[in-house]
Amino acid sequence: MELDFNFMKEQLPLFVRAAIVTLKIGITVIASSLAVGILCSMIVFYGKGFVKLIVQIYVEVARNTPLLIQLFFLYFALPSLGIRMSGYTTAIVAMTFLGGGYMAEVFRSGLEAVHKSQIESALALGLSKAQLLRFILFPQAIRISVPAFIGNFIFLLKETSVLAAIAIPELLYTTTDLIATYYKTFEMFLLLAAFYLVLILPLSLVLSFVERKMNYGQFGR
C-alpha cells in the first residue's frame, strides 16, 4: 500500500480550516467551563439550602451523562419545545455544561484541601469572607487544582471530536466527509491524528511548564 501524498497535500487547507474551528471552540469552551466551574464550586463551598442543592445536581448530571447525549438533547429534543440553537451555539453550551461540572469538582476539592486552621486564623485576624477568598483560599486552591485543570483542558479539546455528530466542521467531521467522498481512509485518518497532535501536544507542554513553575513557587525550588 502506498500513501497518496499528493492527495494529502491537496486536502491540507481543509484540515487547517477544521483545526481553526476545533481550536476556537476548544478555547471558548475551556474559558467558559473554567468560569462556570469556579462559580459553582464556590456556591457549593459557601452556599446552603436550595441553591447549593441545585448546583450539586447540575454537577452530577454534567459529569455522569455522555457529551453525545447532551448534544443530541440540545440539538434534536429542545426544538420540539420551541427552543432552537445553531450548531455552534449547541456545541458551546453542551461542552460548557460538561466542562463546568468537571471544573466545579476540581476547584471544590482544591478549596476543601486548604487547611481549616488557615481559615480560622484568617477570620480571627479580622479578614472578611471576600478577603479570605482572595488572599487565602483562591491562590492555594488554584495551585492545588492546576494538575486536574490541565487534564480537563486537554480532555475538553479532544472532546470537540464529538461535535462531528451535529455536523460542526471540525477535524473529525472534515475527515469523515473526505473519506465518504474519496475513500482515502488511511491518508485521512493519518492527517487527523497529525493535526490533533499538533494542536494538543504544544498545549500539553505549555500547561505542564506552567504547572512546574507554580510548584516551584509553592515549594521554593
Protein backbone atom coordinates (compact mmCIF):
# COMPACT_ATOMS: atom_id res chain seq x y z
CA MET A 1 0.00 0.00 0.00
CA GLU A 2 1.34 3.41 -0.99
CA LEU A 3 0.32 6.66 0.62
CA ASP A 4 -1.14 9.24 -1.71
CA PHE A 5 0.93 12.20 -0.54
CA ASN A 6 -0.32 14.44 -3.33
CA PHE A 7 -3.90 13.90 -2.24
CA MET A 8 -2.98 14.56 1.40
CA LYS A 9 -1.24 17.78 0.37
CA GLU A 10 -4.33 18.90 -1.57
CA GLN A 11 -6.54 18.42 1.49
CA LEU A 12 -4.29 20.34 3.89
CA PRO A 13 -6.21 23.66 3.54
CA LEU A 14 -9.44 21.90 4.56
CA PHE A 15 -7.72 20.40 7.60
CA VAL A 16 -6.24 23.76 8.54
CA ARG A 17 -9.71 25.35 8.47
CA ALA A 18 -11.09 22.45 10.50
CA ALA A 19 -8.24 22.79 13.02
CA ILE A 20 -9.05 26.50 13.42
CA VAL A 21 -12.70 25.64 14.11
CA THR A 22 -11.62 22.99 16.62
CA LEU A 23 -9.23 25.37 18.36
CA LYS A 24 -11.73 28.25 18.52
CA ILE A 25 -14.42 26.06 20.04
CA GLY A 26 -11.92 24.42 22.39
CA ILE A 27 -10.54 27.71 23.74
CA THR A 28 -14.03 29.17 24.15
CA VAL A 29 -15.26 26.09 25.98
CA ILE A 30 -12.20 25.91 28.24
CA ALA A 31 -12.68 29.55 29.29
CA SER A 32 -16.45 29.25 29.82
CA SER A 33 -16.12 25.91 31.65
CA LEU A 34 -13.50 27.37 33.96
CA ALA A 35 -15.75 30.34 34.79
CA VAL A 36 -18.79 28.12 35.39
CA GLY A 37 -16.76 25.64 37.41
CA ILE A 38 -15.22 28.23 39.74
CA LEU A 39 -18.60 29.88 40.31
CA CYS A 40 -20.34 26.57 41.03
CA SER A 41 -17.54 25.35 43.31
CA MET A 42 -17.80 28.49 45.43
CA ILE A 43 -21.57 28.07 45.67
CA VAL A 44 -21.10 24.50 46.86
CA PHE A 45 -18.30 25.52 49.24
CA TYR A 46 -20.07 28.57 50.73
CA GLY A 47 -23.72 28.04 49.86
CA LYS A 48 -26.57 26.44 51.73
CA GLY A 49 -30.02 25.15 51.04
CA PHE A 50 -31.78 25.04 47.68
CA VAL A 51 -29.18 26.87 45.57
CA LYS A 52 -26.40 24.57 46.75
CA LEU A 53 -28.60 21.52 46.05
CA ILE A 54 -29.34 22.71 42.50
CA VAL A 55 -25.63 23.20 41.77
CA GLN A 56 -24.79 19.78 43.20
CA ILE A 57 -27.45 18.16 41.00
CA TYR A 58 -26.08 20.01 37.96
CA VAL A 59 -22.53 18.81 38.68
CA GLU A 60 -23.65 15.19 38.99
CA VAL A 61 -25.78 15.32 35.83
CA ALA A 62 -22.98 17.01 33.84
CA ARG A 63 -20.34 14.52 34.94
CA ASN A 64 -22.44 11.37 34.63
CA THR A 65 -24.09 11.79 31.24
CA PRO A 66 -22.21 11.43 27.93
CA LEU A 67 -21.48 14.55 25.90
CA LEU A 68 -23.11 12.96 22.86
CA ILE A 69 -26.41 12.58 24.74
CA GLN A 70 -26.20 16.18 25.93
CA LEU A 71 -25.59 17.35 22.35
CA PHE A 72 -28.50 15.34 20.95
CA PHE A 73 -30.83 16.60 23.69
CA LEU A 74 -29.99 20.23 22.95
CA TYR A 75 -29.89 19.89 19.16
CA PHE A 76 -32.75 17.47 18.47
CA ALA A 77 -35.01 17.38 21.56
CA LEU A 78 -35.25 21.07 22.54
CA PRO A 79 -36.61 22.20 19.11
CA SER A 80 -39.75 20.17 19.87
CA LEU A 81 -40.28 22.60 22.77
CA GLY A 82 -39.69 25.59 20.51
CA ILE A 83 -36.08 26.15 21.64
CA ARG A 84 -33.70 26.20 18.69
CA MET A 85 -29.98 26.88 18.66
CA SER A 86 -27.41 26.87 15.89
CA GLY A 87 -24.91 24.04 15.73
CA TYR A 88 -22.11 26.24 17.06
CA THR A 89 -24.22 27.53 19.96
CA THR A 90 -25.28 23.99 20.79
CA ALA A 91 -21.64 22.89 20.78
CA ILE A 92 -20.55 25.67 23.15
CA VAL A 93 -23.50 25.18 25.52
CA ALA A 94 -23.19 21.39 25.67
CA MET A 95 -19.43 21.36 26.16
CA THR A 96 -19.60 24.15 28.75
CA PHE A 97 -22.28 22.17 30.58
CA LEU A 98 -19.98 19.14 30.63
CA GLY A 99 -16.76 21.02 31.36
CA GLY A 100 -18.30 23.22 34.03
CA GLY A 101 -19.29 20.15 36.02
CA TYR A 102 -15.77 18.75 35.94
CA MET A 103 -14.14 22.10 36.71
CA ALA A 104 -16.52 22.63 39.64
CA GLU A 105 -15.45 19.37 41.26
CA VAL A 106 -11.78 20.12 40.66
CA PHE A 107 -11.90 23.58 42.23
CA ARG A 108 -14.18 22.47 45.08
CA SER A 109 -11.64 19.82 46.05
CA GLY A 110 -8.94 22.49 45.85
CA LEU A 111 -10.88 24.77 48.19
CA GLU A 112 -11.52 21.95 50.65
CA ALA A 113 -7.82 20.99 50.60
CA VAL A 114 -6.86 24.28 52.26
CA HIS A 115 -6.35 23.51 55.94
CA LYS A 116 -9.14 24.74 58.20
CA SER A 117 -6.61 26.23 60.62
CA GLN A 118 -5.66 28.78 57.96
CA ILE A 119 -9.29 29.79 57.53
CA GLU A 120 -9.80 30.09 61.28
CA SER A 121 -6.61 32.11 61.68
CA ALA A 122 -7.60 34.48 58.87
CA LEU A 123 -11.05 35.06 60.35
CA ALA A 124 -9.51 35.57 63.80
CA LEU A 125 -7.29 38.29 62.30
CA GLY A 126 -10.38 40.09 61.09
CA LEU A 127 -10.35 39.22 57.38
CA SER A 128 -13.72 39.37 55.67
CA LYS A 129 -15.02 36.41 53.66
CA ALA A 130 -14.09 38.24 50.45
CA GLN A 131 -10.54 38.83 51.72
CA LEU A 132 -10.33 35.24 52.93
CA LEU A 133 -11.26 34.02 49.47
CA ARG A 134 -8.95 36.44 47.67
CA PHE A 135 -5.81 36.11 49.79
CA ILE A 136 -6.04 32.66 51.39
CA LEU A 137 -8.40 30.26 49.65
CA PHE A 138 -8.28 31.21 45.99
CA PRO A 139 -4.46 31.26 45.47
CA GLN A 140 -3.95 27.94 47.24
CA ALA A 141 -6.96 26.25 45.62
CA ILE A 142 -5.76 27.29 42.16
CA ARG A 143 -2.27 25.93 42.83
CA ILE A 144 -3.64 22.66 44.19
CA SER A 145 -6.06 22.29 41.27
CA VAL A 146 -3.62 23.05 38.45
CA PRO A 147 -2.81 19.40 37.53
CA ALA A 148 -6.50 18.50 37.32
CA PHE A 149 -7.29 21.68 35.42
CA ILE A 150 -4.61 20.79 32.86
CA GLY A 151 -6.11 17.34 32.41
CA ASN A 152 -9.56 18.83 31.89
CA PHE A 153 -8.31 21.42 29.39
CA ILE A 154 -6.82 18.68 27.22
CA PHE A 155 -9.89 16.48 27.73
CA LEU A 156 -12.21 19.25 26.51
CA LEU A 157 -10.09 19.98 23.45
CA LYS A 158 -10.16 16.29 22.49
CA GLU A 159 -13.92 16.08 23.15
CA THR A 160 -14.53 18.53 20.30
CA SER A 161 -14.36 15.45 18.06
CA VAL A 162 -17.85 14.50 19.31
CA LEU A 163 -19.22 17.64 17.63
CA ALA A 164 -18.99 15.85 14.30
CA ALA A 165 -22.30 14.25 15.31
CA ILE A 166 -24.10 17.57 14.76
CA ALA A 167 -22.16 18.49 11.61
CA ILE A 168 -19.76 21.02 13.11
CA PRO A 169 -16.93 21.23 10.53
CA GLU A 170 -14.16 20.38 12.97
CA LEU A 171 -11.38 17.88 12.35
CA LEU A 172 -13.28 14.59 12.66
CA TYR A 173 -16.24 15.79 10.60
CA THR A 174 -13.90 17.00 7.85
CA THR A 175 -12.06 13.68 7.91
CA THR A 176 -15.17 11.50 7.62
CA ASP A 177 -16.61 13.77 4.94
CA LEU A 178 -13.47 13.40 2.82
CA ILE A 179 -13.38 9.64 3.39
CA ALA A 180 -17.00 9.36 2.23
CA THR A 181 -16.14 11.33 -0.91
CA TYR A 182 -12.72 9.95 -1.90
CA TYR A 183 -12.37 6.65 0.07
CA LYS A 184 -8.87 7.61 1.20
CA THR A 185 -9.34 6.24 4.71
CA PHE A 186 -5.75 5.70 5.82
CA GLU A 187 -4.48 9.03 4.48
CA MET A 188 -7.31 11.00 6.07
CA PHE A 189 -7.01 9.40 9.47
CA LEU A 190 -3.25 9.89 9.35
CA LEU A 191 -3.81 13.62 8.75
CA LEU A 192 -6.43 13.67 11.50
CA ALA A 193 -4.02 12.16 14.04
CA ALA A 194 -1.25 14.54 12.94
CA PHE A 195 -3.43 17.62 13.33
CA TYR A 196 -4.67 16.58 16.78
CA LEU A 197 -1.08 16.01 17.81
CA VAL A 198 -0.10 19.46 16.53
CA LEU A 199 -2.97 21.04 18.46
CA ILE A 200 -2.72 19.16 21.73
CA LEU A 201 0.99 18.46 22.24
CA PRO A 202 2.07 22.16 22.42
CA LEU A 203 -0.85 22.89 24.77
CA SER A 204 0.17 19.96 26.96
CA LEU A 205 3.80 21.14 27.07
CA VAL A 206 2.86 24.74 27.88
CA LEU A 207 0.45 23.73 30.62
CA SER A 208 2.98 21.31 32.10
CA PHE A 209 5.54 24.14 32.16
CA VAL A 210 3.02 26.38 33.98
CA GLU A 211 2.37 23.58 36.47
CA ARG A 212 6.08 23.17 37.20
CA LYS A 213 6.51 26.91 37.66
CA MET A 214 3.65 27.02 40.15
CA ASN A 215 5.10 24.07 42.02
CA TYR A 216 8.47 25.80 42.20
CA GLY A 217 6.77 28.83 43.71
CA GLN A 218 4.98 26.65 46.23
CA PHE A 219 7.91 24.59 47.41
CA GLY A 220 10.71 27.11 46.86
CA ARG A 221 12.65 25.02 44.37
